[in-house]
């Protein structure tokens, strides 16, 4: 079984902090998988009727893999999506698909889809310039969470405590990037400095952890120094995570949940979720779980 991982670095450029890619490479031989890590920029595609020869790596035709794992996440560019689409057209299964990677990369669109399906989501507002701060106060309120439309690992997420700090932040953004695209979300007080990450594979919730910030910070991401601990998969958590993944068409997903009283709201969904924190605190081998799912999914044993 041969697979490609599309990533921002080649295999020879990987660093210790590229935890997930290193783990995929480490586990692959034990699952009898030949794995290559490719930068999308190494790939050229030619739209032609000679389908199997229309993908080049470093300028040369190559045998197509049995599967592809795109691991670009929120950094997925138009070029990378074009490569994934072309591989899909040639019959190569990609986990996740180009359509659904593109969907969840847009945080507003994700919230729109989930709200339409009646999932519990925070109130969300798309900001336009000039910003009507009184309207924000009326419909969202303060504190307010400010997010870029695309981002991961807690990047591009800010908390404005009050109207004044929000006004200052908006003025800074408007002066540096007049064509900004940001969304505002209601602040869920019960989840200040903590949330849940549920990892789903093939419609199954395989692990759940609680992330907690340190030093009273707002964001709890493990990549930003947050603490992690295993959290029991209740029926509500499991249903939310698996149904959200299904509705968004993700076969591999990281679903982030906010604490809201005795229940939860859906914060974000990731198509290329990290799992270093999960493997640290939960008894789970994520690459092995993914590889074994792929074998069943593709009928290759």
Protein backbone atom coordinates (compact mmCIF):
# COMPACT_ATOMS: atom_id res chain seq x y z
CA UNK A 1 0.00 0.00 0.00
CA UNK A 2 1.50 3.32 -1.11
CA UNK A 3 0.53 6.72 0.16
CA UNK A 4 1.42 10.38 -0.17
CA UNK A 5 1.21 13.09 2.46
CA UNK A 6 0.88 16.62 1.08
CA UNK A 7 2.67 18.91 3.52
CA UNK A 8 4.46 22.26 3.61
CA UNK A 9 7.85 20.49 3.87
CA UNK A 10 9.50 17.59 2.10
CA UNK A 11 10.51 14.55 4.12
CA UNK A 12 14.16 15.64 4.15
CA UNK A 13 13.17 19.03 5.64
CA UNK A 14 11.12 17.71 8.55
CA UNK A 15 11.93 18.98 12.02
CA UNK A 16 11.14 17.47 15.44
CA UNK A 17 8.21 19.87 15.81
CA UNK A 18 6.57 18.33 12.72
CA UNK A 19 5.15 15.82 15.19
CA UNK A 20 2.24 14.45 13.19
CA UNK A 21 4.19 13.89 9.96
CA UNK A 22 7.02 12.19 11.85
CA UNK A 23 4.50 9.91 13.54
CA UNK A 24 2.89 8.96 10.22
CA UNK A 25 6.34 8.06 8.87
CA UNK A 26 7.25 6.14 12.03
CA UNK A 27 4.14 3.95 12.03
CA UNK A 28 3.84 3.35 8.26
CA UNK A 29 6.34 0.42 7.97
CA UNK A 30 4.60 -1.60 10.70
CA UNK A 31 1.36 -1.27 8.71
CA UNK A 32 3.12 -2.30 5.47
CA UNK A 33 2.67 1.17 3.97
CA UNK A 34 5.20 2.94 1.77
CA UNK A 35 4.80 6.63 2.55
CA UNK A 36 6.18 9.70 0.80
CA UNK A 37 5.92 13.30 2.05
CA UNK A 38 5.62 15.84 -0.76
CA UNK A 39 5.41 19.60 -0.96
CA UNK A 40 2.58 20.42 -3.37
CA UNK A 41 5.01 22.73 -5.20
CA UNK A 42 6.98 19.64 -6.33
CA UNK A 43 3.96 18.48 -8.30
CA UNK A 44 3.00 19.56 -11.81
CA UNK A 45 -0.33 18.60 -13.32
CA UNK A 46 -1.32 18.52 -16.94
CA UNK A 47 -4.95 18.34 -17.97
CA UNK A 48 -4.92 15.67 -20.65
CA UNK A 49 -6.76 12.57 -21.78
CA UNK A 50 -3.62 10.55 -20.87
CA UNK A 51 -4.83 10.51 -17.31
CA UNK A 52 -2.25 8.37 -15.55
CA UNK A 53 0.63 10.41 -16.98
CA UNK A 54 -0.83 13.78 -16.11
CA UNK A 55 0.82 14.07 -12.68
CA UNK A 56 4.54 14.85 -12.53
CA UNK A 57 6.77 14.97 -9.44
CA UNK A 58 9.97 16.96 -9.91
CA UNK A 59 9.17 17.02 -13.63
CA UNK A 60 8.85 13.24 -14.04
CA UNK A 61 5.79 10.98 -14.45
CA UNK A 62 5.23 8.83 -11.35
CA UNK A 63 3.07 5.91 -10.31
CA UNK A 64 0.00 7.18 -8.51
CA UNK A 65 -0.43 6.31 -4.83
CA UNK A 66 -3.23 4.24 -3.31
CA UNK A 67 -4.24 7.18 -1.09
CA UNK A 68 -3.34 10.78 -0.24
CA UNK A 69 -3.44 12.49 3.15
CA UNK A 70 -3.49 16.28 2.69
CA UNK A 71 -1.95 17.82 5.83
CA UNK A 72 -1.96 21.51 4.89
CA UNK A 73 -4.99 22.41 7.01
CA UNK A 74 -5.90 26.09 7.05
CA UNK A 75 -2.80 26.77 4.91
CA UNK A 76 -4.28 24.91 1.94
CA UNK A 77 -3.77 27.14 -1.10
CA UNK A 78 -5.63 27.20 -4.40
CA UNK A 79 -2.70 25.35 -5.98
CA UNK A 80 -2.83 22.59 -3.36
CA UNK A 81 -6.58 22.24 -3.85
CA UNK A 82 -6.03 21.99 -7.61
CA UNK A 83 -3.53 19.16 -7.05
CA UNK A 84 -5.94 17.31 -4.75
CA UNK A 85 -8.80 17.75 -7.23
CA UNK A 86 -6.64 16.41 -10.05
CA UNK A 87 -5.63 13.36 -8.02
CA UNK A 88 -9.30 12.75 -7.21
CA UNK A 89 -10.16 12.97 -10.92
CA UNK A 90 -7.56 10.28 -11.55
CA UNK A 91 -9.27 8.04 -9.01
CA UNK A 92 -6.89 8.53 -6.07
CA UNK A 93 -8.82 8.61 -2.75
CA UNK A 94 -7.91 11.70 -0.71
CA UNK A 95 -8.65 11.93 3.00
CA UNK A 96 -10.15 14.47 3.27
CA UNK A 97 -11.57 15.45 -0.10
CA UNK A 98 -10.82 18.78 -1.76
CA UNK A 99 -14.46 19.90 -1.51
CA UNK A 100 -14.66 19.41 2.23
CA UNK A 101 -11.17 20.75 2.98
CA UNK A 102 -12.18 23.93 1.16
CA UNK A 103 -15.44 24.11 3.09
CA UNK A 104 -14.04 23.86 6.61
CA UNK A 105 -11.11 26.16 5.81
CA UNK A 106 -13.73 28.92 5.82
CA UNK A 107 -14.86 29.28 9.45
CA UNK A 108 -17.92 31.34 8.59
CA UNK A 109 -19.16 28.87 5.97
CA UNK A 110 -18.64 26.02 8.45
CA UNK A 111 -20.78 27.83 11.03
CA UNK A 112 -23.45 28.55 8.41
CA UNK A 113 -23.68 24.87 7.42
CA UNK A 114 -23.84 23.72 11.05
CA UNK A 115 -26.42 26.35 12.05
CA UNK A 116 -28.60 25.32 9.11
CA UNK A 117 -28.54 21.76 10.47
CA UNK A 118 -29.53 23.04 13.93
CA UNK A 119 -26.25 22.28 15.67
CA UNK A 120 -25.40 24.38 18.76
CA UNK A 121 -22.98 27.06 17.53
CA UNK A 122 -21.95 30.41 19.02
CA UNK A 123 -23.62 33.48 17.52
CA UNK A 124 -21.34 34.54 14.67
CA UNK A 125 -21.16 37.79 12.71
CA UNK A 126 -19.24 38.68 9.56
CA UNK A 127 -17.59 42.07 9.93
CA UNK A 128 -17.66 44.64 7.16
CA UNK A 129 -15.94 48.00 6.95
CA UNK A 130 -16.72 50.49 8.36
CA UNK A 131 -17.52 48.55 11.53
CA UNK A 132 -20.72 49.43 13.35
CA UNK A 133 -19.58 48.87 16.94
CA UNK A 134 -23.02 49.61 18.38
CA UNK A 135 -24.48 46.85 16.18
CA UNK A 136 -21.82 44.45 17.44
CA UNK A 137 -22.67 45.38 21.02
CA UNK A 138 -26.39 44.87 20.41
CA UNK A 139 -26.25 41.47 18.68
CA UNK A 140 -23.02 39.85 19.92
CA UNK A 141 -22.04 41.80 23.04
CA UNK A 142 -18.76 42.13 24.91
CA UNK A 143 -16.42 40.43 25.57
CA UNK A 144 -16.29 39.26 21.95
CA UNK A 145 -14.09 36.72 20.17
CA UNK A 146 -12.42 38.04 17.00
CA UNK A 147 -11.30 35.49 14.39
CA UNK A 148 -9.75 35.50 10.96
CA UNK A 149 -11.74 33.43 8.45
CA UNK A 150 -8.93 30.90 8.18
CA UNK A 151 -6.44 29.83 10.82
CA UNK A 152 -5.36 27.00 13.12
CA UNK A 153 -3.49 26.28 16.37
CA UNK A 154 -5.09 29.34 17.96
CA UNK A 155 -3.57 31.74 15.43
CA UNK A 156 -5.82 34.55 14.30
CA UNK A 157 -8.07 34.34 17.40
CA UNK A 158 -8.35 37.25 19.85
CA UNK A 159 -10.56 38.22 22.78
CA UNK A 160 -11.69 41.83 23.12
CA UNK A 161 -12.83 42.37 26.71
CA UNK A 162 -14.80 45.55 26.14
CA UNK A 163 -16.01 48.07 23.61
CA UNK A 164 -12.89 50.24 23.85
CA UNK A 165 -10.37 47.41 23.32
CA UNK A 166 -12.50 46.15 20.41
CA UNK A 167 -12.55 49.60 18.83
CA UNK A 168 -8.75 49.88 19.16
CA UNK A 169 -8.25 46.42 17.61
CA UNK A 170 -10.56 47.19 14.69
CA UNK A 171 -8.81 50.51 14.01
CA UNK A 172 -5.46 48.70 13.95
CA UNK A 173 -6.78 46.03 11.57
CA UNK A 174 -8.42 48.60 9.29
CA UNK A 175 -5.22 50.64 9.07
CA UNK A 176 -2.98 47.67 8.27
CA UNK A 177 -5.35 45.65 6.09
CA UNK A 178 -8.33 47.56 4.64
CA UNK A 179 -9.55 44.40 2.86
CA UNK A 180 -9.66 42.30 6.02
CA UNK A 181 -12.03 39.36 6.44
CA UNK A 182 -12.87 38.57 10.05
CA UNK A 183 -15.76 37.15 12.00
CA UNK A 184 -16.99 37.86 15.51
CA UNK A 185 -18.31 35.19 17.86
CA UNK A 186 -20.11 35.44 21.15
CA UNK A 187 -17.91 34.80 24.17
CA UNK A 188 -18.86 31.56 25.95
CA UNK A 189 -17.94 32.33 29.56
CA UNK A 190 -18.00 28.71 30.77
CA UNK A 191 -15.26 27.84 28.30
CA UNK A 192 -12.80 30.63 29.12
CA UNK A 193 -9.33 29.05 28.94
CA UNK A 194 -10.60 25.53 28.24
CA UNK A 195 -12.26 23.45 25.55
CA UNK A 196 -12.48 19.92 24.20
CA UNK A 197 -10.86 18.39 21.13
CA UNK A 198 -12.51 15.24 19.77
CA UNK A 199 -10.71 13.27 17.05
CA UNK A 200 -12.96 11.39 14.62
CA UNK A 201 -11.97 8.80 12.02
CA UNK A 202 -14.47 7.24 9.63
CA UNK A 203 -17.49 8.38 11.62
CA UNK A 204 -16.08 7.15 14.95
CA UNK A 205 -14.85 9.25 17.87
CA UNK A 206 -11.51 7.68 18.80
CA UNK A 207 -10.32 10.05 21.55
CA UNK A 208 -11.24 13.20 23.46
CA UNK A 209 -9.11 15.55 25.51
CA UNK A 210 -9.67 18.67 27.53
CA UNK A 211 -7.30 21.56 26.84
CA UNK A 212 -6.64 24.14 29.53
CA UNK A 213 -4.71 27.37 29.22
CA UNK A 214 -1.95 28.34 31.61
CA UNK A 215 -1.48 31.69 33.38
CA UNK A 216 -5.10 32.70 32.87
CA UNK A 217 -4.84 32.92 29.09
CA UNK A 218 -7.95 32.88 26.90
CA UNK A 219 -6.71 30.28 24.39
CA UNK A 220 -6.16 26.68 25.46
CA UNK A 221 -4.36 25.22 22.41
CA UNK A 222 -1.73 22.61 23.25
CA UNK A 223 0.51 24.05 20.51
CA UNK A 224 0.41 27.37 22.39
CA UNK A 225 1.49 25.80 25.69
CA UNK A 226 -1.86 24.65 27.05
CA UNK A 227 -2.21 21.64 29.34
CA UNK A 228 -4.11 18.53 28.22
CA UNK A 229 -5.89 15.67 29.94
CA UNK A 230 -8.10 12.82 28.77
CA UNK A 231 -11.83 13.55 28.86
CA UNK A 232 -14.52 10.88 28.86
CA UNK A 233 -16.56 10.46 25.69
CA UNK A 234 -20.15 11.03 26.79
CA UNK A 235 -23.01 10.19 24.40
CA UNK A 236 -23.56 13.92 23.77
CA UNK A 237 -19.89 14.59 22.96
CA UNK A 238 -19.64 11.53 20.75
CA UNK A 239 -22.84 12.36 18.87
CA UNK A 240 -21.88 15.99 18.30
CA UNK A 241 -18.39 15.11 17.03
CA UNK A 242 -19.44 12.28 14.72
CA UNK A 243 -22.51 14.07 13.34
CA UNK A 244 -20.58 17.29 12.70
CA UNK A 245 -17.90 15.29 10.87
CA UNK A 246 -20.56 13.54 8.80
CA UNK A 247 -22.43 16.73 7.88
CA UNK A 248 -19.17 18.41 6.84
CA UNK A 249 -18.08 15.34 4.86
CA UNK A 250 -14.87 14.79 6.84
CA UNK A 251 -13.55 11.25 7.22
CA UNK A 252 -10.75 12.52 9.46
CA UNK A 253 -11.56 15.49 11.70
CA UNK A 254 -10.76 17.37 14.85
CA UNK A 255 -13.93 18.82 16.38
CA UNK A 256 -13.47 21.54 19.02
CA UNK A 257 -16.26 21.92 21.56
CA UNK A 258 -16.88 24.76 24.01
CA UNK A 259 -18.27 24.15 27.50
CA UNK A 260 -21.72 25.74 27.83
CA UNK A 261 -23.42 24.97 31.13
CA UNK A 262 -23.98 21.21 31.17
CA UNK A 263 -23.76 21.02 27.40
CA UNK A 264 -21.49 22.12 24.55
CA UNK A 265 -21.27 24.43 21.56
CA UNK A 266 -19.25 23.73 18.42
CA UNK A 267 -16.30 26.09 18.19
CA UNK A 268 -14.40 24.94 15.11
CA UNK A 269 -13.73 21.90 12.94
CA UNK A 270 -10.35 20.98 11.48
CA UNK A 271 -9.76 18.86 8.38
CA UNK A 272 -6.08 18.27 9.22
CA UNK A 273 -6.10 18.10 13.03
CA UNK A 274 -3.00 17.86 15.14
CA UNK A 275 -2.81 15.00 17.62
CA UNK A 276 0.35 15.44 19.68
CA UNK A 277 -1.66 16.42 22.76
CA UNK A 278 -4.11 13.55 22.26
CA UNK A 279 -1.36 10.95 22.07
CA UNK A 280 0.27 12.47 25.14
CA UNK A 281 -2.78 12.14 27.39
CA UNK A 282 -4.92 9.40 25.81
CA UNK A 283 -4.08 5.78 25.19
CA UNK A 284 -4.38 6.08 21.41
CA UNK A 285 -2.14 5.66 18.36
CA UNK A 286 -3.68 8.05 15.82
CA UNK A 287 -1.58 7.10 12.74
CA UNK A 288 -2.31 3.41 13.32
CA UNK A 289 -6.03 4.15 13.72
CA UNK A 290 -6.00 6.15 10.46
CA UNK A 291 -4.02 3.54 8.51
CA UNK A 292 -6.28 0.72 9.63
CA UNK A 293 -9.35 2.73 8.70
CA UNK A 294 -7.88 3.43 5.24
CA UNK A 295 -7.24 -0.28 4.67
CA UNK A 296 -10.85 -1.12 5.51
CA UNK A 297 -12.16 1.85 3.52
CA UNK A 298 -10.12 0.94 0.42
CA UNK A 299 -10.48 -2.86 0.76
CA UNK A 300 -6.71 -3.34 0.97
CA UNK A 301 -5.55 -5.83 3.61
